[in-house]
Amino acid sequence: MEIELVDVQCKEQIESGSVANSADEVAEVTEGLARISAPTDGGETFYNPVQEFNRDLTVIVLRAFTAEREAKKEEQKPREGTASEPAAKQRKITESNTARHPPASQQLLDGEGIHVLDALSASGLRAIRFALEVPHVERAIRRNVELNGVQDRVEAVFSDAIDLMMAHRKFGKRFHAVDLDPYGSASVFLDAAVQAVMDEGLLMVTCTDTAILCGNTAEACFNKYGSVPLRHKSCHELALRILLRAIDGHANRHKRYIVPLLSVSVDFYVRCFVRIRSGAAVAKDSVTKLAHMHCCATCQSLDFQPLLKKSVNGASVRFSNAHFQSDLIRLTEGQGTSRDGGLVATCAHCGGTAVHTGGPIWVAPTCDADFVGKLLAILKCPKAGEAKLGTRERLEGLLTVLSEELHDVPLFYEHDQLMNVVKCPAPKMSTFRSALLNAGYRCSISHCNPRAIKTDAPTTFLWDVCREWAKRNGIKPKGTAADTPRNRILARDAMSEINFNSHPECIPKSKFVGLLRFQDNKGKNWGPKMKAKGSDKEKCVHSLIVA
């Protein structure tokens, strides 16, 4: 892997001399195999130890990506004829292999190293770690390289990150991988980034504006990402799905599409690793992976409405508008206007009249199970000479939970949240999960929330579980009032038979082995640090090219 780190800053910052000089008070920091000097007075850059997990995760993802690339090079290497074979036959073998590997996909296999762009960097730590800890690296960035003895592998370039990526959007100049880790939102960089990654390449995106993605300011989220979020217990997974939709939307504009490899919501940010592929026909399928979502503000029940449906009849492929179907929304008589004919939308489960609509969001899988398995294998069987990762235990715990998670099921509930609607003491998590598993449905927790119930069971079955548990605990509709959500839910008969007997898989395997599955936010100043001085994000960004 060949790495060229480019520190990209604005011309105004360079000319004004706001870049820290060697006289600034600094402290030496060691992380992995890298050492850097970080200003102690909060200058134009900073070091955030909380992000070590982010950097460790990126290192092992790049290791897996590099290993995949090397394996494909061996598999797809043109077969050479033996000495006894005539030259014409050898030529046919070579031409046959070339035909199987068109130039668009072959570019990822050419060369001995990989070209990576760390587009938004402060101290250069991330790219220096790439240079030191990811195999097959040849060059890196200017700042802090003297501490690591890699001066001959470093080239520093000052430029604008978007201009830099756009300059590499042409075939033959694209990067194998692009890493976006900005202060705040990465939305303004996405269009350039999806063009700067070569076919089968890797795009890594971090967004720290989780308050916006999780629904605090829906209008700001729509302006940045093109989706409307909803306030829900699963808002952190919703943030991931909004980001994936935004990345894929930018890729679709250029006849490209994404394949999510790994998507996580941890600490104060969301992080997505996606493979970029080209193909106008497949890019059209992206719309079938999107849906609007409906959420009852009273009982938090969810429902999804696809945008388009795809019909295949032999060689004919047709896209058409999806018909409106909802298990959540019911139209009932009420105080309506002449425009809606006197009908109002109510929740089919609790009768609530506030049903909110959001989206569109990504409803396809957010992770690749095989890729997660490769990351776990790298962690458990490190190669000789590889640096010990400082957050290895947390990485193993998170990736193990991800390997158990249902990635094809969008969003989740909290079982105590559901029981709170019917005003009943919540059962143990294992008891609630057993009811789902005994009925033949799949169920998992979420890496976003240890109390999550992520299942493919319909919402009506979840409320049947709540009714049966409330019945066993002597909870009945209170009084004669039928206008409360609690009474409306409990007054109905269960449509399914519920079995609370313990199921063999009711407790995740990851819980038995004592892994660090969920990290508590502890320590002073946990979270994102203040923005570096002089880093006007509209004029200046720091970028590192790992080539």
Protein backbone atom coordinates (compact mmCIF):
# COMPACT_ATOMS: atom_id res chain seq x y z
CA MET A 1 0.00 0.00 0.00
CA GLU A 2 1.44 3.32 -1.04
CA ILE A 3 0.35 6.30 1.05
CA GLU A 4 0.69 9.97 0.21
CA LEU A 5 -0.59 12.30 2.90
CA VAL A 6 -1.70 15.70 1.74
CA ASP A 7 -2.39 18.36 4.37
CA VAL A 8 -4.92 20.59 2.67
CA GLN A 9 -5.43 24.10 4.02
CA CYS A 10 -6.81 27.32 2.61
CA LYS A 11 -4.54 29.88 1.01
CA GLU A 12 -5.71 32.56 3.43
CA GLN A 13 -4.66 30.50 6.45
CA ILE A 14 -1.22 29.83 5.03
CA GLU A 15 -0.59 33.45 4.10
CA SER A 16 -1.86 34.75 7.45
CA GLY A 17 0.55 32.48 9.28
CA SER A 18 -2.16 30.84 11.37
CA VAL A 19 -0.49 27.48 10.92
CA ALA A 20 1.30 26.64 14.16
CA ASN A 21 5.06 26.93 14.14
CA SER A 22 7.62 24.87 15.97
CA ALA A 23 7.73 27.36 18.85
CA ASP A 24 4.14 26.55 19.89
CA GLU A 25 3.82 24.60 23.13
CA VAL A 26 3.22 20.97 22.17
CA ALA A 27 2.94 17.59 23.83
CA GLU A 28 4.06 14.31 22.30
CA VAL A 29 1.32 11.71 21.87
CA THR A 30 1.80 8.04 21.01
CA GLU A 31 -0.95 5.97 19.39
CA GLY A 32 -0.36 2.63 17.71
CA LEU A 33 3.02 2.88 16.00
CA ALA A 34 2.70 6.62 15.44
CA ARG A 35 3.94 9.59 17.47
CA ILE A 36 2.75 13.15 16.96
CA SER A 37 3.20 16.57 18.50
CA ALA A 38 -0.16 18.09 19.47
CA PRO A 39 -0.55 21.72 20.66
CA THR A 40 -1.57 21.94 24.31
CA ASP A 41 -3.23 25.35 23.95
CA GLY A 42 -5.93 24.28 21.48
CA GLY A 43 -4.26 25.77 18.43
CA GLU A 44 -5.12 25.12 14.81
CA THR A 45 -5.15 21.38 15.48
CA PHE A 46 -5.82 19.05 18.38
CA TYR A 47 -5.63 15.43 19.45
CA ASN A 48 -8.81 13.72 20.65
CA PRO A 49 -8.09 10.41 22.45
CA VAL A 50 -11.75 9.39 22.19
CA GLN A 51 -11.30 9.06 18.43
CA GLU A 52 -8.62 6.39 18.88
CA PHE A 53 -11.38 3.81 18.47
CA ASN A 54 -12.37 5.41 15.16
CA ARG A 55 -8.77 5.30 13.93
CA ASP A 56 -8.24 1.71 15.11
CA LEU A 57 -11.40 0.62 13.32
CA THR A 58 -10.24 2.35 10.14
CA VAL A 59 -6.84 0.65 10.33
CA ILE A 60 -8.30 -2.86 10.48
CA VAL A 61 -10.82 -2.05 7.74
CA LEU A 62 -7.96 -0.93 5.48
CA ARG A 63 -6.03 -4.07 6.38
CA ALA A 64 -9.03 -6.19 5.36
CA PHE A 65 -9.50 -4.11 2.20
CA THR A 66 -5.83 -4.52 1.29
CA ALA A 67 -5.96 -8.27 1.96
CA GLU A 68 -9.04 -8.61 -0.26
CA ARG A 69 -7.28 -6.71 -3.01
CA GLU A 70 -4.19 -8.89 -2.81
CA ALA A 71 -6.34 -12.03 -2.90
CA LYS A 72 -8.23 -10.79 -5.97
CA LYS A 73 -4.96 -9.97 -7.71
CA GLU A 74 -3.83 -13.56 -7.21
CA GLU A 75 -7.16 -15.00 -8.36
CA GLN A 76 -7.46 -12.75 -11.40
CA LYS A 77 -3.82 -12.83 -12.45
CA PRO A 78 -3.66 -13.77 -16.16
CA ARG A 79 -2.67 -17.37 -16.54
CA GLU A 80 0.59 -17.72 -18.42
CA GLY A 81 1.06 -20.58 -20.83
CA THR A 82 3.69 -23.18 -20.19
CA ALA A 83 6.89 -23.38 -22.20
CA SER A 84 5.44 -26.24 -24.28
CA GLU A 85 2.42 -24.20 -25.36
CA PRO A 86 2.62 -22.24 -28.62
CA ALA A 87 2.77 -18.45 -28.48
CA ALA A 88 -0.67 -18.15 -30.14
CA LYS A 89 -2.27 -20.16 -27.33
CA GLN A 90 -0.52 -18.06 -24.68
CA ARG A 91 -1.82 -14.91 -26.41
CA LYS A 92 -5.38 -16.30 -26.39
CA ILE A 93 -5.13 -17.02 -22.66
CA THR A 94 -3.98 -13.47 -21.97
CA GLU A 95 -6.70 -11.95 -24.17
CA SER A 96 -9.34 -14.13 -22.50
CA ASN A 97 -8.29 -12.97 -19.03
CA THR A 98 -8.24 -9.33 -20.18
CA ALA A 99 -11.79 -9.67 -21.50
CA ARG A 100 -12.97 -11.00 -18.16
CA HIS A 101 -11.50 -7.96 -16.38
CA PRO A 102 -12.65 -4.70 -17.97
CA PRO A 103 -10.50 -1.63 -17.28
CA ALA A 104 -13.03 -0.12 -14.83
CA SER A 105 -12.56 -2.97 -12.38
CA GLN A 106 -8.98 -3.76 -13.34
CA GLN A 107 -7.73 -0.38 -12.11
CA LEU A 108 -8.13 -1.53 -8.50
CA LEU A 109 -5.82 -4.46 -9.14
CA ASP A 110 -3.08 -2.58 -10.98
CA GLY A 111 0.03 -1.49 -9.13
CA GLU A 112 1.71 -2.75 -6.00
CA GLY A 113 0.14 -0.40 -3.46
CA ILE A 114 -3.07 1.45 -2.79
CA HIS A 115 -3.75 5.17 -2.96
CA VAL A 116 -5.73 6.53 0.00
CA LEU A 117 -6.97 10.06 0.66
CA ASP A 118 -7.47 11.23 4.25
CA ALA A 119 -9.35 14.28 3.09
CA LEU A 120 -10.00 16.12 6.36
CA SER A 121 -7.11 15.89 8.80
CA ALA A 122 -5.77 18.04 11.60
CA SER A 123 -2.54 16.60 12.98
CA GLY A 124 -1.90 13.92 10.36
CA LEU A 125 -2.14 11.13 12.95
CA ARG A 126 -4.66 9.07 11.01
CA ALA A 127 -2.65 9.00 7.80
CA ILE A 128 0.64 8.43 9.62
CA ARG A 129 -0.93 5.38 11.25
CA PHE A 130 -2.04 4.19 7.82
CA ALA A 131 1.55 4.51 6.64
CA LEU A 132 2.96 2.62 9.63
CA GLU A 133 0.28 -0.01 10.33
CA VAL A 134 -1.33 -0.91 7.00
CA PRO A 135 0.70 -3.23 4.73
CA HIS A 136 2.30 -2.10 1.45
CA VAL A 137 2.64 1.62 2.30
CA GLU A 138 5.29 3.83 0.65
CA ARG A 139 4.52 7.53 1.31
CA ALA A 140 2.63 9.69 3.88
CA ILE A 141 2.16 13.65 5.22
CA ARG A 142 4.50 16.40 6.27
CA ARG A 143 3.48 17.30 9.81
CA ASN A 144 4.69 14.99 12.61
CA VAL A 145 6.60 12.72 10.23
CA GLU A 146 9.99 13.55 11.73
CA LEU A 147 8.88 11.90 14.97
CA ASN A 148 8.15 8.70 13.09
CA GLY A 149 11.20 8.62 10.82
CA VAL A 150 9.20 8.51 7.60
CA GLN A 151 10.49 11.70 5.96
CA ASP A 152 11.27 9.90 2.72
CA ARG A 153 7.67 8.66 2.49
CA VAL A 154 5.94 11.98 3.08
CA GLU A 155 4.76 14.66 0.71
CA ALA A 156 2.71 17.58 2.04
CA VAL A 157 0.43 19.53 -0.27
CA PHE A 158 -1.74 22.53 0.67
CA SER A 159 -5.01 22.66 -1.26
CA ASP A 160 -8.79 22.56 -0.91
CA ALA A 161 -10.17 19.08 -0.20
CA ILE A 162 -13.07 19.31 -2.65
CA ASP A 163 -10.79 20.67 -5.40
CA LEU A 164 -8.34 17.89 -4.66
CA MET A 165 -10.97 15.16 -4.95
CA MET A 166 -12.45 16.68 -8.11
CA ALA A 167 -8.98 16.76 -9.64
CA HIS A 168 -8.80 12.99 -9.07
CA ARG A 169 -12.24 12.10 -10.41
CA LYS A 170 -10.98 11.10 -13.84
CA PHE A 171 -10.28 7.48 -14.68
CA GLY A 172 -6.72 6.56 -13.79
CA LYS A 173 -6.39 9.26 -11.13
CA ARG A 174 -8.92 7.95 -8.63
CA PHE A 175 -8.06 6.75 -5.14
CA HIS A 176 -8.44 3.21 -3.88
CA ALA A 177 -9.92 4.64 -0.68
CA VAL A 178 -11.12 8.04 0.54
CA ASP A 179 -11.59 8.86 4.23
CA LEU A 180 -13.84 11.77 5.27
CA ASP A 181 -13.63 12.62 8.96
CA PRO A 182 -14.70 16.27 9.27
CA TYR A 183 -15.62 18.40 12.24
CA GLY A 184 -19.41 18.16 11.91
CA SER A 185 -21.13 17.11 8.71
CA ALA A 186 -19.48 15.46 5.71
CA SER A 187 -22.41 16.30 3.43
CA VAL A 188 -20.62 19.01 1.42
CA PHE A 189 -17.79 16.59 0.54
CA LEU A 190 -19.87 13.59 -0.54
CA ASP A 191 -20.40 14.50 -4.19
CA ALA A 192 -16.68 14.97 -4.81
CA ALA A 193 -15.78 11.91 -2.75
CA VAL A 194 -17.97 9.43 -4.65
CA GLN A 195 -16.30 10.56 -7.88
CA ALA A 196 -12.76 10.33 -6.51
CA VAL A 197 -13.00 6.63 -5.55
CA MET A 198 -12.20 4.06 -8.21
CA ASP A 199 -14.40 1.09 -9.03
CA GLU A 200 -14.54 -1.42 -6.15
CA GLY A 201 -12.84 1.22 -4.01
CA LEU A 202 -13.61 2.16 -0.42
CA LEU A 203 -15.29 5.31 0.89
CA MET A 204 -15.14 5.93 4.66
CA VAL A 205 -17.34 8.68 6.10
CA THR A 206 -17.71 10.07 9.62
CA CYS A 207 -20.37 12.59 10.67
CA THR A 208 -20.38 14.11 14.15
CA ASP A 209 -23.54 16.19 13.73
CA THR A 210 -25.65 13.44 15.30
CA ALA A 211 -28.05 15.92 16.90
CA ILE A 212 -29.17 16.91 13.40
CA LEU A 213 -29.22 13.35 12.06
CA CYS A 214 -31.19 12.12 15.08
CA GLY A 215 -34.02 14.59 14.57
CA ASN A 216 -33.36 17.64 16.73
CA THR A 217 -33.61 19.93 13.70
CA ALA A 218 -35.36 18.08 10.90
CA GLU A 219 -35.12 21.00 8.47
CA ALA A 220 -31.33 21.15 8.84
CA CYS A 221 -31.08 17.40 8.24
CA PHE A 222 -33.13 17.73 5.05
CA ASN A 223 -30.91 20.56 3.81
CA LYS A 224 -27.73 18.59 4.47
CA TYR A 225 -28.72 15.00 3.71
CA GLY A 226 -32.01 15.15 1.79
CA SER A 227 -34.00 13.21 4.40
CA VAL A 228 -36.36 14.11 7.24
CA PRO A 229 -35.54 12.32 10.53
CA LEU A 230 -38.04 11.35 13.24
CA ARG A 231 -37.63 11.35 17.00
CA HIS A 232 -37.50 7.69 17.99
CA LYS A 233 -35.57 5.36 20.29
CA SER A 234 -33.77 4.01 17.22
CA CYS A 235 -32.66 7.47 16.09
CA HIS A 236 -28.96 6.53 16.03
CA GLU A 237 -29.54 3.71 13.56
CA LEU A 238 -31.82 6.09 11.68
CA ALA A 239 -28.86 8.48 11.43
CA LEU A 240 -26.80 5.72 9.78
CA ARG A 241 -29.53 4.97 7.27
CA ILE A 242 -29.94 8.66 6.42
CA LEU A 243 -26.20 8.96 5.80
CA LEU A 244 -26.14 5.83 3.62
CA ARG A 245 -29.03 7.19 1.56
CA ALA A 246 -27.17 10.48 1.10
CA ILE A 247 -23.95 8.76 -0.03
CA ASP A 248 -25.82 6.49 -2.43
CA GLY A 249 -27.82 9.43 -3.79
CA HIS A 250 -24.66 11.32 -4.69
CA ALA A 251 -23.20 8.16 -6.27
CA ASN A 252 -26.37 7.58 -8.34
CA ARG A 253 -25.97 10.99 -9.99
CA HIS A 254 -22.76 9.69 -11.54
CA LYS A 255 -24.13 6.24 -12.51
CA ARG A 256 -22.54 4.67 -9.45
CA TYR A 257 -23.89 2.95 -6.35
CA ILE A 258 -22.75 1.79 -2.92
CA VAL A 259 -22.42 -1.55 -1.15
CA PRO A 260 -22.30 -0.97 2.63
CA LEU A 261 -19.53 -2.99 4.30
CA LEU A 262 -19.71 -1.64 7.84
CA SER A 263 -21.89 1.02 9.50
CA VAL A 264 -21.59 1.95 13.16
CA SER A 265 -23.01 4.53 15.53
CA VAL A 266 -20.70 4.94 18.51
CA ASP A 267 -19.86 7.67 21.00
CA PHE A 268 -20.86 10.99 19.41
CA TYR A 269 -20.63 10.12 15.70
CA VAL A 270 -21.73 7.78 12.94
CA ARG A 271 -19.24 6.02 10.69
CA CYS A 272 -19.91 4.25 7.38
CA PHE A 273 -17.58 2.15 5.22
CA VAL A 274 -19.01 1.55 1.73
CA ARG A 275 -17.72 0.03 -1.48
CA ILE A 276 -18.20 2.18 -4.58
CA ARG A 277 -19.20 0.49 -7.82
CA SER A 278 -20.13 1.76 -11.28
CA GLY A 279 -23.06 0.64 -13.41
CA ALA A 280 -26.02 2.65 -14.63
CA ALA A 281 -28.39 -0.34 -14.67
CA VAL A 282 -27.62 -1.41 -11.10
CA ALA A 283 -27.63 2.20 -9.90
CA LYS A 284 -31.30 2.37 -10.89
CA ASP A 285 -32.04 -0.33 -8.30
CA SER A 286 -31.01 2.05 -5.53
CA VAL A 287 -34.49 3.56 -5.37
CA THR A 288 -35.89 0.13 -4.40
CA LYS A 289 -33.64 0.23 -1.32
CA LEU A 290 -35.29 3.40 -0.01
CA ALA A 291 -38.52 3.98 1.87
CA HIS A 292 -40.44 6.66 3.70
CA MET A 293 -41.19 5.89 7.33
CA HIS A 294 -44.28 6.50 9.46
CA CYS A 295 -44.14 6.71 13.24
CA CYS A 296 -46.94 7.04 15.77
CA ALA A 297 -46.00 9.78 18.21
CA THR A 298 -48.03 8.06 20.96
CA CYS A 299 -46.95 4.40 20.91
CA GLN A 300 -43.84 4.76 18.68
CA SER A 301 -45.01 2.06 16.25
CA LEU A 302 -43.16 2.13 12.92
CA ASP A 303 -44.10 1.41 9.33
CA PHE A 304 -42.28 1.79 6.01
CA GLN A 305 -43.55 2.83 2.58
CA PRO A 306 -41.35 1.91 -0.44
CA LEU A 307 -40.86 4.58 -3.09
CA LEU A 308 -40.85 2.44 -6.24
CA LYS A 309 -41.28 -1.21 -7.07
CA LYS A 310 -39.31 -3.16 -9.66
CA SER A 311 -40.94 -5.65 -12.02
CA VAL A 312 -38.88 -8.11 -14.06
CA ASN A 313 -40.44 -10.02 -16.95
CA GLY A 314 -37.75 -11.88 -18.83
CA ALA A 315 -35.40 -9.27 -20.24
CA SER A 316 -37.88 -6.47 -19.53
CA VAL A 317 -37.29 -4.40 -16.38
CA ARG A 318 -39.81 -1.80 -15.30
CA PHE A 319 -40.03 0.55 -12.34
CA SER A 320 -43.41 1.84 -11.16
CA ASN A 321 -44.81 3.73 -8.20
CA ALA A 322 -45.44 1.57 -5.16
CA HIS A 323 -49.04 1.35 -3.96
CA PHE A 324 -49.72 2.81 -0.55
CA GLN A 325 -50.05 0.02 2.01
CA SER A 326 -49.76 0.57 5.73
CA ASP A 327 -50.35 -1.59 8.79
CA LEU A 328 -49.98 1.53 10.91
CA ILE A 329 -52.28 4.15 9.40
CA ARG A 330 -56.05 3.87 9.48
CA LEU A 331 -58.47 6.46 8.11
CA THR A 332 -61.35 7.17 10.48
CA GLU A 333 -64.15 9.68 10.61
CA GLY A 334 -63.31 12.85 12.43
CA GLN A 335 -63.28 16.59 12.24
CA GLY A 336 -61.76 16.86 8.81
CA THR A 337 -62.01 19.47 6.10
CA SER A 338 -63.82 19.34 2.81
CA ARG A 339 -60.49 18.58 1.16
CA ASP A 340 -59.98 15.29 3.01
CA GLY A 341 -63.63 14.29 3.14
CA GLY A 342 -63.86 14.40 6.93
CA LEU A 343 -61.35 11.55 7.45
CA VAL A 344 -58.33 11.65 9.75
CA ALA A 345 -55.30 9.34 9.92
CA THR A 346 -55.02 7.42 13.18
CA CYS A 347 -52.66 4.75 14.50
CA ALA A 348 -54.05 1.26 13.92
CA HIS A 349 -52.55 0.05 17.21
CA CYS A 350 -53.28 2.74 19.82
CA GLY A 351 -55.64 5.10 18.01
CA GLY A 352 -53.25 8.02 18.28
CA THR A 353 -53.93 10.86 15.87
CA ALA A 354 -50.33 12.08 15.54
CA VAL A 355 -48.67 9.91 12.89
CA HIS A 356 -45.46 11.49 11.64
CA THR A 357 -43.78 10.91 8.28
CA GLY A 358 -40.04 10.99 7.60
CA GLY A 359 -37.42 9.80 5.17
CA PRO A 360 -36.54 8.63 2.69
CA ILE A 361 -34.04 6.35 4.40
CA TRP A 362 -31.88 3.37 3.39
CA VAL A 363 -33.77 0.16 4.28
CA ALA A 364 -31.34 -2.36 2.72
CA PRO A 365 -28.63 -4.03 4.86
CA THR A 366 -26.17 -1.64 6.51
CA CYS A 367 -23.32 -4.15 6.92
CA ASP A 368 -21.77 -7.04 5.03
CA ALA A 369 -21.69 -10.08 7.34
CA ASP A 370 -18.72 -11.65 5.51
CA PHE A 371 -16.69 -8.45 5.79
CA VAL A 372 -17.46 -8.17 9.52
CA GLY A 373 -16.24 -11.75 9.89
CA LYS A 374 -12.97 -10.86 8.17
CA LEU A 375 -12.45 -7.95 10.56
CA LEU A 376 -12.97 -10.26 13.54
CA ALA A 377 -10.48 -12.73 12.07
CA ILE A 378 -7.88 -9.96 11.72
CA LEU A 379 -8.41 -8.97 15.36
CA LYS A 380 -8.23 -12.49 16.73
CA CYS A 381 -5.26 -13.60 14.62
CA PRO A 382 -2.91 -10.62 14.24
CA LYS A 383 0.12 -11.02 12.03
CA ALA A 384 3.63 -10.83 13.41
CA GLY A 385 4.88 -7.26 13.68
CA GLU A 386 1.45 -5.63 13.59
CA ALA A 387 0.88 -2.88 16.13
CA LYS A 388 -1.32 -3.71 19.11
CA LEU A 389 -4.51 -1.70 18.86
CA GLY A 390 -5.29 0.32 21.96
CA THR A 391 -9.03 -0.32 21.69
CA ARG A 392 -8.82 -3.97 20.67
CA GLU A 393 -11.22 -5.22 23.36
CA ARG A 394 -13.88 -2.72 22.40
CA LEU A 395 -13.39 -3.46 18.71
CA GLU A 396 -13.89 -7.18 19.28
CA GLY A 397 -17.00 -6.55 21.35
CA LEU A 398 -18.55 -4.16 18.84
CA LEU A 399 -17.79 -6.34 15.81
CA THR A 400 -19.16 -9.43 17.59
CA VAL A 401 -22.42 -7.62 18.32
CA LEU A 402 -22.53 -6.46 14.69
CA SER A 403 -22.07 -10.06 13.54
CA GLU A 404 -25.20 -11.00 15.52
CA GLU A 405 -27.29 -7.99 14.46
CA LEU A 406 -30.09 -8.18 11.87
CA HIS A 407 -28.84 -5.66 9.34
CA ASP A 408 -31.69 -6.24 6.89
CA VAL A 409 -34.27 -5.13 9.48
CA PRO A 410 -34.57 -1.34 9.60
CA LEU A 411 -34.69 0.29 13.05
CA PHE A 412 -35.77 -1.24 16.35
CA TYR A 413 -37.84 -0.85 19.52
CA GLU A 414 -37.00 -0.92 23.21
CA HIS A 415 -39.09 -3.55 24.96
CA ASP A 416 -39.49 -1.44 28.10
CA GLN A 417 -40.68 1.42 25.88
CA LEU A 418 -43.47 -0.81 24.53
CA MET A 419 -44.45 -2.01 28.00
CA ASN A 420 -44.56 1.57 29.24
CA VAL A 421 -47.35 2.33 26.75
CA VAL A 422 -49.58 -0.30 28.41
CA LYS A 423 -48.36 0.72 31.89
CA CYS A 424 -47.02 -2.72 32.74
CA PRO A 425 -43.73 -3.80 34.36
CA ALA A 426 -41.31 -4.86 31.64
CA PRO A 427 -40.21 -8.51 31.42
CA LYS A 428 -36.59 -9.52 31.17
CA MET A 429 -35.01 -8.97 27.79
CA SER A 430 -34.51 -12.74 27.44
CA THR A 431 -38.21 -13.36 28.14
CA PHE A 432 -39.35 -10.89 25.50
CA ARG A 433 -36.86 -12.28 22.98
CA SER A 434 -38.04 -15.83 23.72
CA ALA A 435 -41.61 -14.90 22.80
CA LEU A 436 -40.39 -13.71 19.40
CA LEU A 437 -38.05 -16.63 18.75
CA ASN A 438 -40.63 -19.24 19.81
CA ALA A 439 -43.00 -17.80 17.21
CA GLY A 440 -40.43 -18.32 14.46
CA TYR A 441 -39.29 -14.73 14.09
CA ARG A 442 -35.70 -13.52 14.10
CA CYS A 443 -34.50 -11.24 16.86
CA SER A 444 -31.30 -9.45 17.86
CA ILE A 445 -30.00 -6.53 19.84
CA SER A 446 -28.38 -3.51 18.21
CA HIS A 447 -24.87 -2.16 18.59
CA CYS A 448 -26.55 1.25 19.01
CA ASN A 449 -28.58 0.27 22.06
CA PRO A 450 -28.24 -2.67 24.51
CA ARG A 451 -32.01 -2.58 25.19
CA ALA A 452 -32.96 -2.82 21.53
CA ILE A 453 -35.41 -5.35 20.15
CA LYS A 454 -34.54 -5.72 16.47
CA THR A 455 -36.89 -8.19 14.83
CA ASP A 456 -38.68 -9.07 11.61
CA ALA A 457 -41.89 -9.73 13.56
CA PRO A 458 -44.79 -7.45 12.57
CA THR A 459 -45.70 -4.67 14.98
CA THR A 460 -49.07 -6.34 15.61
CA PHE A 461 -47.24 -9.34 17.08
CA LEU A 462 -45.16 -7.10 19.36
CA TRP A 463 -48.35 -5.62 20.79
CA ASP A 464 -49.76 -9.14 21.21
CA VAL A 465 -46.71 -9.94 23.34
CA CYS A 466 -47.38 -6.84 25.42
CA ARG A 467 -51.06 -7.77 25.83
CA GLU A 468 -50.25 -11.29 26.95
CA TRP A 469 -47.61 -10.12 29.43
CA ALA A 470 -49.97 -7.49 30.82
CA LYS A 471 -52.67 -10.15 31.17
CA ARG A 472 -50.32 -12.43 33.10
CA ASN A 473 -49.48 -9.54 35.41
CA GLY A 474 -53.12 -8.68 36.04
CA ILE A 475 -53.02 -5.43 34.08
CA LYS A 476 -56.43 -4.54 32.66
CA PRO A 477 -57.95 -1.50 30.95
CA LYS A 478 -58.32 1.15 33.63
CA GLY A 479 -61.89 2.39 34.11
CA THR A 480 -64.27 2.69 31.20
CA ALA A 481 -62.27 5.25 29.24
CA ALA A 482 -61.62 3.99 25.75
CA ASP A 483 -59.82 7.11 24.61
CA THR A 484 -56.39 6.31 26.03
CA PRO A 485 -53.72 4.39 24.09
CA ARG A 486 -53.31 1.94 26.98
CA ASN A 487 -56.98 1.00 27.02
CA ARG A 488 -57.26 0.73 23.24
CA ILE A 489 -54.34 -1.69 23.07
CA LEU A 490 -55.37 -3.85 26.05
CA ALA A 491 -59.03 -3.98 25.05
CA ARG A 492 -58.22 -5.94 21.91
CA ASP A 493 -57.78 -9.69 21.86
CA ALA A 494 -54.41 -11.13 20.95
CA MET A 495 -54.29 -12.43 17.39
CA SER A 496 -51.39 -14.83 18.06
CA GLU A 497 -50.51 -17.41 20.66
CA ILE A 498 -47.60 -16.22 22.79
CA ASN A 499 -45.05 -18.60 24.33
CA PHE A 500 -42.72 -17.09 26.94
CA ASN A 501 -40.78 -20.31 27.58
CA SER A 502 -37.04 -19.75 27.48
CA HIS A 503 -35.57 -20.17 24.00
CA PRO A 504 -32.01 -21.53 23.56
CA GLU A 505 -31.00 -18.38 21.64
CA CYS A 506 -32.75 -15.83 23.83
CA ILE A 507 -29.41 -14.59 25.19
CA PRO A 508 -26.84 -13.44 22.59
CA LYS A 509 -23.67 -15.51 22.49
CA SER A 510 -21.58 -12.36 22.81
CA LYS A 511 -22.98 -11.86 26.32
CA PHE A 512 -21.74 -15.24 27.54
CA VAL A 513 -18.08 -14.62 26.73
CA GLY A 514 -17.85 -11.35 28.65
CA LEU A 515 -16.94 -9.05 25.77
CA LEU A 516 -16.87 -5.28 26.09
CA ARG A 517 -19.99 -4.84 23.99
CA PHE A 518 -21.05 -1.33 24.95
CA GLN A 519 -18.69 1.47 25.97
CA ASP A 520 -19.79 3.85 28.71
CA ASN A 521 -19.10 7.52 28.07
CA LYS A 522 -16.72 8.16 30.93
CA GLY A 523 -13.91 10.57 31.57
CA LYS A 524 -13.42 14.30 31.50
CA ASN A 525 -14.41 16.14 28.30
CA TRP A 526 -15.74 12.97 26.68
CA GLY A 527 -16.92 13.77 23.17
CA PRO A 528 -15.86 16.03 20.32
CA LYS A 529 -13.42 18.77 21.22
CA MET A 530 -13.91 22.42 20.33
CA LYS A 531 -13.23 23.34 16.73
CA ALA A 532 -9.60 24.21 16.11
CA LYS A 533 -8.76 27.90 16.01
CA GLY A 534 -8.79 29.48 12.58
CA SER A 535 -10.44 26.48 10.95
CA ASP A 536 -13.17 28.28 9.03
CA LYS A 537 -14.72 25.24 7.41
CA GLU A 538 -16.02 27.22 4.44
CA LYS A 539 -12.53 28.38 3.53
CA CYS A 540 -10.19 25.78 4.92
CA VAL A 541 -9.98 22.03 5.28
CA HIS A 542 -7.05 19.74 6.02
CA SER A 543 -6.60 16.71 3.77
CA LEU A 544 -4.19 13.80 3.77
CA ILE A 545 -3.66 11.67 0.70
CA VAL A 546 -2.57 8.16 1.49
CA ALA A 547 -1.08 6.92 -1.74
